[in-house]
Amino acid sequence: MRIYLIGYMGSGKSSRGQELAKKLDYSFIDLDEMIEKDNKISIPTIFKTKGENVFREMEQEALRKTFKKKNIVVATGGGTACFFDNLAEMRENGTTIYIQASIGLLFHRLAASKTERPMLKDFKDVELVLQIKDQMAYRERFYEKANYIIDAEDLKANDLVKLLANELKKEQ
């Protein structure tokens, strides 16, 4: 089984994805880390030197590599589901879960981790809230097409296991 976690940055895809993979005894893939490793360049550098279009192509290529793997949990980038046919392809090749977080929760998490996120480091708080609102207004229509939607607030890996119980039974 392939499980794809989608949602905005800061929603908990990577942290909950690692926990879920451990509980299921699956492999975990952070798509952004895979892109950086495969291309030997950081994502901020890709955006700065090659632009977003090239990054999105690299992202799609990395995503498609995951379709050949079994028993994986993939934490996608915040925009992965919103470009090309990525969401449809994820749904065809696995199960998608939208980790839905409020703008307030996203702001709280992202404001606290600006230094770890080069794309956000120069944003003032007001600018960060507006960025989240603007992007969510566009992206949510994609995210909501996931197979499952779960609230990010106090989300635990066990909640994801329960959500996937029927899917996991089909696999056995």
Protein backbone atom coordinates (compact mmCIF):
# COMPACT_ATOMS: atom_id res chain seq x y z
CA MET A 1 0.00 0.00 0.00
CA ARG A 2 1.11 3.54 -0.76
CA ILE A 3 -0.12 6.34 1.51
CA TYR A 4 0.27 9.95 0.39
CA LEU A 5 -0.09 12.71 2.98
CA ILE A 6 -1.07 16.03 1.46
CA GLY A 7 -1.74 19.46 2.92
CA TYR A 8 -0.14 22.81 3.56
CA MET A 9 3.39 23.10 4.92
CA GLY A 10 3.34 22.88 8.70
CA SER A 11 0.25 20.66 8.79
CA GLY A 12 2.27 17.72 10.13
CA LYS A 13 2.78 15.59 7.03
CA SER A 14 6.42 14.74 7.78
CA SER A 15 6.19 14.27 11.54
CA ARG A 16 2.95 12.25 11.48
CA GLY A 17 4.09 10.44 8.34
CA GLN A 18 7.23 9.17 10.06
CA GLU A 19 5.18 7.99 13.04
CA LEU A 20 2.61 6.31 10.79
CA ALA A 21 5.30 4.53 8.78
CA LYS A 22 6.88 3.25 11.99
CA LYS A 23 3.53 1.96 13.30
CA LEU A 24 2.79 0.17 10.02
CA ASP A 25 6.38 -1.02 9.55
CA TYR A 26 6.43 0.84 6.20
CA SER A 27 9.17 2.94 4.66
CA PHE A 28 8.86 6.72 4.94
CA ILE A 29 9.67 9.16 2.14
CA ASP A 30 9.72 12.92 2.50
CA LEU A 31 9.25 14.01 -1.11
CA ASP A 32 11.19 17.28 -0.62
CA GLU A 33 14.16 15.38 0.83
CA MET A 34 13.99 12.92 -2.05
CA ILE A 35 14.11 15.79 -4.58
CA GLU A 36 17.13 17.32 -2.84
CA LYS A 37 18.95 13.98 -2.65
CA ASP A 38 18.18 12.96 -6.25
CA ASN A 39 19.17 16.34 -7.68
CA LYS A 40 21.99 17.14 -5.22
CA ILE A 41 20.62 20.65 -4.69
CA SER A 42 18.46 22.28 -2.02
CA ILE A 43 14.88 23.25 -2.78
CA PRO A 44 15.47 26.95 -2.00
CA THR A 45 18.39 26.87 -4.45
CA ILE A 46 16.22 25.20 -7.10
CA PHE A 47 13.58 27.93 -6.71
CA LYS A 48 16.22 30.67 -6.75
CA THR A 49 18.31 29.45 -9.68
CA LYS A 50 15.92 27.40 -11.83
CA GLY A 51 12.48 28.67 -10.86
CA GLU A 52 9.27 27.08 -9.65
CA ASN A 53 8.40 25.40 -12.97
CA VAL A 54 11.63 23.38 -12.96
CA PHE A 55 11.05 22.49 -9.30
CA ARG A 56 7.51 21.28 -10.06
CA GLU A 57 8.85 19.07 -12.85
CA MET A 58 11.46 17.59 -10.49
CA GLU A 59 8.72 17.10 -7.91
CA GLN A 60 6.52 15.23 -10.36
CA GLU A 61 9.43 13.02 -11.41
CA ALA A 62 10.19 12.18 -7.76
CA LEU A 63 6.51 11.51 -7.06
CA ARG A 64 6.29 9.08 -9.97
CA LYS A 65 9.27 7.14 -8.61
CA THR A 66 7.23 6.41 -5.48
CA PHE A 67 4.60 4.60 -7.58
CA LYS A 68 7.04 1.73 -8.01
CA LYS A 69 7.49 1.24 -4.26
CA LYS A 70 5.33 -0.79 -1.89
CA ASN A 71 4.43 -0.27 1.76
CA ILE A 72 5.40 3.40 1.93
CA VAL A 73 4.14 6.57 3.53
CA VAL A 74 4.98 9.68 1.49
CA ALA A 75 4.89 13.19 2.93
CA THR A 76 4.38 15.38 -0.12
CA GLY A 77 5.30 19.04 -0.45
CA GLY A 78 2.57 21.58 0.23
CA GLY A 79 2.00 22.24 -3.46
CA THR A 80 2.50 18.73 -4.85
CA ALA A 81 -1.22 17.94 -5.08
CA CYS A 82 -1.94 21.20 -6.92
CA PHE A 83 0.24 20.77 -10.00
CA PHE A 84 -0.06 18.70 -13.17
CA ASP A 85 -2.11 15.54 -12.56
CA ASN A 86 -0.22 14.75 -9.37
CA LEU A 87 -3.30 14.33 -7.18
CA ALA A 88 -5.07 12.04 -9.66
CA GLU A 89 -1.89 9.99 -10.05
CA MET A 90 -1.48 9.68 -6.28
CA ARG A 91 -5.08 8.51 -5.99
CA GLU A 92 -4.58 5.98 -8.81
CA ASN A 93 -1.45 4.60 -7.18
CA GLY A 94 -2.32 4.81 -3.51
CA THR A 95 -4.44 6.37 -0.80
CA THR A 96 -4.38 10.11 -0.18
CA ILE A 97 -4.96 11.78 3.17
CA TYR A 98 -5.39 15.54 3.51
CA ILE A 99 -4.09 16.70 6.88
CA GLN A 100 -6.31 19.74 7.28
CA ALA A 101 -5.09 22.56 9.48
CA SER A 102 -6.66 25.92 10.24
CA ILE A 103 -4.89 29.09 9.15
CA GLY A 104 -4.31 29.89 12.83
CA LEU A 105 -2.62 26.55 13.50
CA LEU A 106 -0.53 26.82 10.33
CA PHE A 107 0.56 30.35 11.27
CA HIS A 108 1.45 29.26 14.81
CA ARG A 109 3.57 26.35 13.55
CA LEU A 110 5.20 28.19 10.64
CA ALA A 111 5.97 31.38 12.57
CA ALA A 112 7.82 29.25 15.12
CA SER A 113 9.85 27.47 12.43
CA LYS A 114 10.70 30.31 10.03
CA THR A 115 14.43 29.82 10.47
CA GLU A 116 14.11 26.16 9.40
CA ARG A 117 12.09 27.13 6.33
CA PRO A 118 14.17 29.31 4.01
CA MET A 119 11.15 30.17 1.87
CA LEU A 120 9.53 31.90 4.88
CA LYS A 121 12.45 33.40 6.78
CA ASP A 122 11.93 36.95 5.50
CA PHE A 123 8.17 37.08 6.09
CA LYS A 124 6.83 39.35 8.81
CA ASP A 125 3.94 37.82 10.78
CA VAL A 126 1.23 39.71 8.87
CA GLU A 127 2.80 38.75 5.55
CA LEU A 128 2.96 35.12 6.64
CA VAL A 129 -0.74 35.05 7.54
CA LEU A 130 -1.64 36.62 4.18
CA GLN A 131 0.60 34.13 2.33
CA ILE A 132 -1.09 31.19 4.07
CA LYS A 133 -4.58 32.59 3.40
CA ASP A 134 -3.85 33.27 -0.27
CA GLN A 135 -2.30 29.90 -0.96
CA MET A 136 -4.94 28.00 1.01
CA ALA A 137 -7.71 29.77 -0.91
CA TYR A 138 -6.29 28.21 -4.07
CA ARG A 139 -4.93 24.90 -2.79
CA GLU A 140 -7.81 23.72 -0.64
CA ARG A 141 -9.87 22.72 -3.71
CA PHE A 142 -7.15 20.19 -4.54
CA TYR A 143 -6.55 19.00 -1.01
CA GLU A 144 -10.25 18.31 -0.48
CA LYS A 145 -10.21 15.72 -3.28
CA ALA A 146 -8.11 13.38 -1.12
CA ASN A 147 -9.51 9.97 -0.24
CA TYR A 148 -9.60 11.02 3.42
CA ILE A 149 -9.53 14.29 5.34
CA ILE A 150 -8.34 14.43 8.93
CA ASP A 151 -7.91 17.37 11.31
CA ALA A 152 -4.29 18.28 12.07
CA GLU A 153 -5.12 19.56 15.56
CA ASP A 154 -3.75 17.05 18.11
CA LEU A 155 -3.33 14.46 15.34
CA LYS A 156 -1.62 11.25 16.38
CA ALA A 157 -0.32 8.43 14.20
CA ASN A 158 -2.92 6.12 15.78
CA ASP A 159 -5.66 8.40 14.39
CA LEU A 160 -4.25 7.79 10.91
CA VAL A 161 -4.06 4.04 11.48
CA LYS A 162 -7.73 4.02 12.53
CA LEU A 163 -8.65 6.12 9.50
CA LEU A 164 -6.89 3.62 7.22
CA ALA A 165 -8.16 0.47 8.95
CA ASN A 166 -10.37 -0.66 6.04
CA GLU A 167 -7.69 0.10 3.46
CA LEU A 168 -5.14 -1.87 5.45
CA LYS A 169 -7.50 -4.86 5.72
CA LYS A 170 -7.87 -4.91 1.92
CA GLU A 171 -4.10 -5.20 1.60
CA GLN A 172 -3.89 -8.31 3.80
